[in-house]
């Protein structure tokens, strides 16, 4: 067997969380709801172009996913990205809290949480690091403090 790439991530939530999750990924990442098989539970497949990269399963009881408390074994999902200036502006426009870090040889990174607490990491080329963010700046949420 050989792994040839990453296909999708599946986020779990309560059915009542689906509208907030759809809105978040639409506003923040520009993903759009698309075709999804007829599973015996509600959910969403969120597409980047023709690729359904974020699957959302709305089959968990309300209260079983607590957004401000990490309750799974996956720490975060990381995306390679470009367009840091536009992305930062979009996050500020829609009111999404985020933290940034500028680590030598790692580039410019942005961290945030979706409405059900999934931590997302966006990795931009070092050339897109905002000039006001000094080298060595670390995001508190990566240090386990937020």
Protein backbone atom coordinates (compact mmCIF):
# COMPACT_ATOMS: atom_id res chain seq x y z
CA UNK A 1 0.00 0.00 0.00
CA UNK A 2 1.08 3.57 -0.69
CA UNK A 3 -0.69 6.68 0.59
CA UNK A 4 -1.17 9.19 -2.19
CA UNK A 5 -2.65 12.12 -0.29
CA UNK A 6 -5.27 13.38 2.07
CA UNK A 7 -8.94 12.98 1.13
CA UNK A 8 -11.15 14.54 3.83
CA UNK A 9 -11.68 15.16 7.51
CA UNK A 10 -14.90 14.27 9.32
CA UNK A 11 -16.11 16.55 12.10
CA UNK A 12 -18.71 15.28 14.53
CA UNK A 13 -21.43 17.40 16.07
CA UNK A 14 -25.07 17.43 17.14
CA UNK A 15 -27.67 17.90 14.41
CA UNK A 16 -28.51 21.30 15.92
CA UNK A 17 -24.89 22.40 15.29
CA UNK A 18 -25.06 21.82 11.52
CA UNK A 19 -26.24 25.35 10.53
CA UNK A 20 -23.45 27.03 12.55
CA UNK A 21 -20.81 24.66 11.17
CA UNK A 22 -22.02 25.21 7.59
CA UNK A 23 -21.98 29.00 8.05
CA UNK A 24 -18.51 28.98 9.63
CA UNK A 25 -16.83 26.91 6.92
CA UNK A 26 -18.62 28.89 4.23
CA UNK A 27 -17.60 32.29 5.61
CA UNK A 28 -14.10 31.39 6.77
CA UNK A 29 -12.91 28.93 4.09
CA UNK A 30 -15.37 29.56 1.26
CA UNK A 31 -16.47 25.91 1.30
CA UNK A 32 -19.88 25.10 -0.15
CA UNK A 33 -22.38 22.37 0.68
CA UNK A 34 -22.56 19.73 -2.01
CA UNK A 35 -23.76 16.26 -2.78
CA UNK A 36 -23.65 13.71 0.04
CA UNK A 37 -24.66 10.05 0.10
CA UNK A 38 -27.96 9.17 1.81
CA UNK A 39 -26.54 8.17 5.18
CA UNK A 40 -29.04 7.29 7.95
CA UNK A 41 -28.14 10.50 9.85
CA UNK A 42 -28.00 14.18 8.95
CA UNK A 43 -24.79 15.86 7.99
CA UNK A 44 -22.97 17.93 5.40
CA UNK A 45 -20.24 17.50 2.86
CA UNK A 46 -18.42 20.79 2.34
CA UNK A 47 -16.63 21.23 -0.94
CA UNK A 48 -13.58 23.13 -2.10
CA UNK A 49 -14.37 23.19 -5.82
CA UNK A 50 -15.03 19.57 -6.77
CA UNK A 51 -13.50 18.09 -3.62
CA UNK A 52 -15.59 17.30 -0.51
CA UNK A 53 -12.79 17.97 1.97
CA UNK A 54 -14.81 18.52 5.17
CA UNK A 55 -17.48 15.98 6.10
CA UNK A 56 -19.74 16.82 9.03
CA UNK A 57 -21.66 14.11 10.89
CA UNK A 58 -24.65 15.44 12.82
CA UNK A 59 -25.33 12.20 14.65
CA UNK A 60 -24.20 12.96 18.18
CA UNK A 61 -26.54 13.94 21.03
CA UNK A 62 -26.74 17.64 21.97
CA UNK A 63 -24.19 18.38 24.69
CA UNK A 64 -21.87 15.50 23.77
CA UNK A 65 -19.55 17.90 21.88
CA UNK A 66 -18.39 20.77 24.08
CA UNK A 67 -16.81 23.50 21.97
CA UNK A 68 -14.52 24.93 24.64
CA UNK A 69 -13.16 21.58 25.85
CA UNK A 70 -10.97 19.29 23.74
CA UNK A 71 -12.69 15.93 23.78
CA UNK A 72 -10.99 13.85 21.12
CA UNK A 73 -7.62 12.41 20.23
CA UNK A 74 -7.03 14.68 17.20
CA UNK A 75 -5.43 17.95 18.26
CA UNK A 76 -5.94 19.95 15.05
CA UNK A 77 -6.39 19.92 11.29
CA UNK A 78 -3.76 21.78 9.23
CA UNK A 79 -4.19 23.34 5.79
CA UNK A 80 -1.50 24.65 3.44
CA UNK A 81 -2.66 28.08 2.25
CA UNK A 82 -1.79 31.31 0.48
CA UNK A 83 -3.41 34.73 0.71
CA UNK A 84 -2.70 35.50 4.36
CA UNK A 85 -3.66 39.18 4.16
CA UNK A 86 -7.07 38.39 2.68
CA UNK A 87 -7.62 35.53 5.13
CA UNK A 88 -6.84 37.70 8.17
CA UNK A 89 -9.20 40.37 6.86
CA UNK A 90 -11.97 37.79 6.38
CA UNK A 91 -11.54 36.43 9.91
CA UNK A 92 -11.74 39.93 11.36
CA UNK A 93 -14.78 40.77 9.21
CA UNK A 94 -16.77 37.74 10.35
CA UNK A 95 -15.57 38.08 13.97
CA UNK A 96 -13.61 34.83 14.30
CA UNK A 97 -11.00 34.86 17.07
CA UNK A 98 -7.60 33.67 15.87
CA UNK A 99 -4.01 33.50 17.02
CA UNK A 100 -0.85 33.73 14.94
CA UNK A 101 2.67 32.50 15.16
CA UNK A 102 5.84 33.17 13.26
CA UNK A 103 8.30 30.37 13.82
CA UNK A 104 11.62 30.21 11.97
CA UNK A 105 11.54 27.56 9.23
CA UNK A 106 7.80 26.93 9.84
CA UNK A 107 6.45 30.09 8.23
CA UNK A 108 3.40 32.07 9.19
CA UNK A 109 0.65 30.12 10.95
CA UNK A 110 -2.91 31.01 11.96
CA UNK A 111 -4.91 29.01 14.53
CA UNK A 112 -8.64 29.15 15.28
CA UNK A 113 -11.55 26.98 16.38
CA UNK A 114 -14.74 26.13 14.51
CA UNK A 115 -18.17 26.33 16.26
CA UNK A 116 -17.85 22.83 17.75
CA UNK A 117 -14.27 23.29 18.98
CA UNK A 118 -12.22 21.74 16.17
CA UNK A 119 -8.83 23.50 16.09
CA UNK A 120 -7.74 24.52 12.59
CA UNK A 121 -4.22 25.51 11.54
CA UNK A 122 -3.42 27.43 8.37
CA UNK A 123 0.18 27.40 7.13
CA UNK A 124 1.23 30.27 4.87
CA UNK A 125 4.60 30.86 3.20
CA UNK A 126 7.01 32.83 5.39
CA UNK A 127 6.91 35.61 2.77
CA UNK A 128 3.27 36.26 3.78
CA UNK A 129 4.06 36.88 7.45
CA UNK A 130 2.60 40.22 8.57
CA UNK A 131 5.46 42.67 9.17
CA UNK A 132 4.19 43.47 12.69
CA UNK A 133 4.55 39.82 13.79
CA UNK A 134 8.13 39.30 15.02
CA UNK A 135 9.98 36.04 14.47
CA UNK A 136 9.53 33.73 17.44
CA UNK A 137 5.93 34.80 18.13
CA UNK A 138 3.98 31.80 19.39
CA UNK A 139 0.22 31.23 19.55
CA UNK A 140 -1.00 30.63 23.10
CA UNK A 141 -3.44 27.94 21.95
CA UNK A 142 -0.48 25.94 20.64
CA UNK A 143 1.12 26.06 24.07
CA UNK A 144 -1.93 24.56 25.77
CA UNK A 145 -2.81 27.87 27.44
CA UNK A 146 -5.92 28.69 25.42
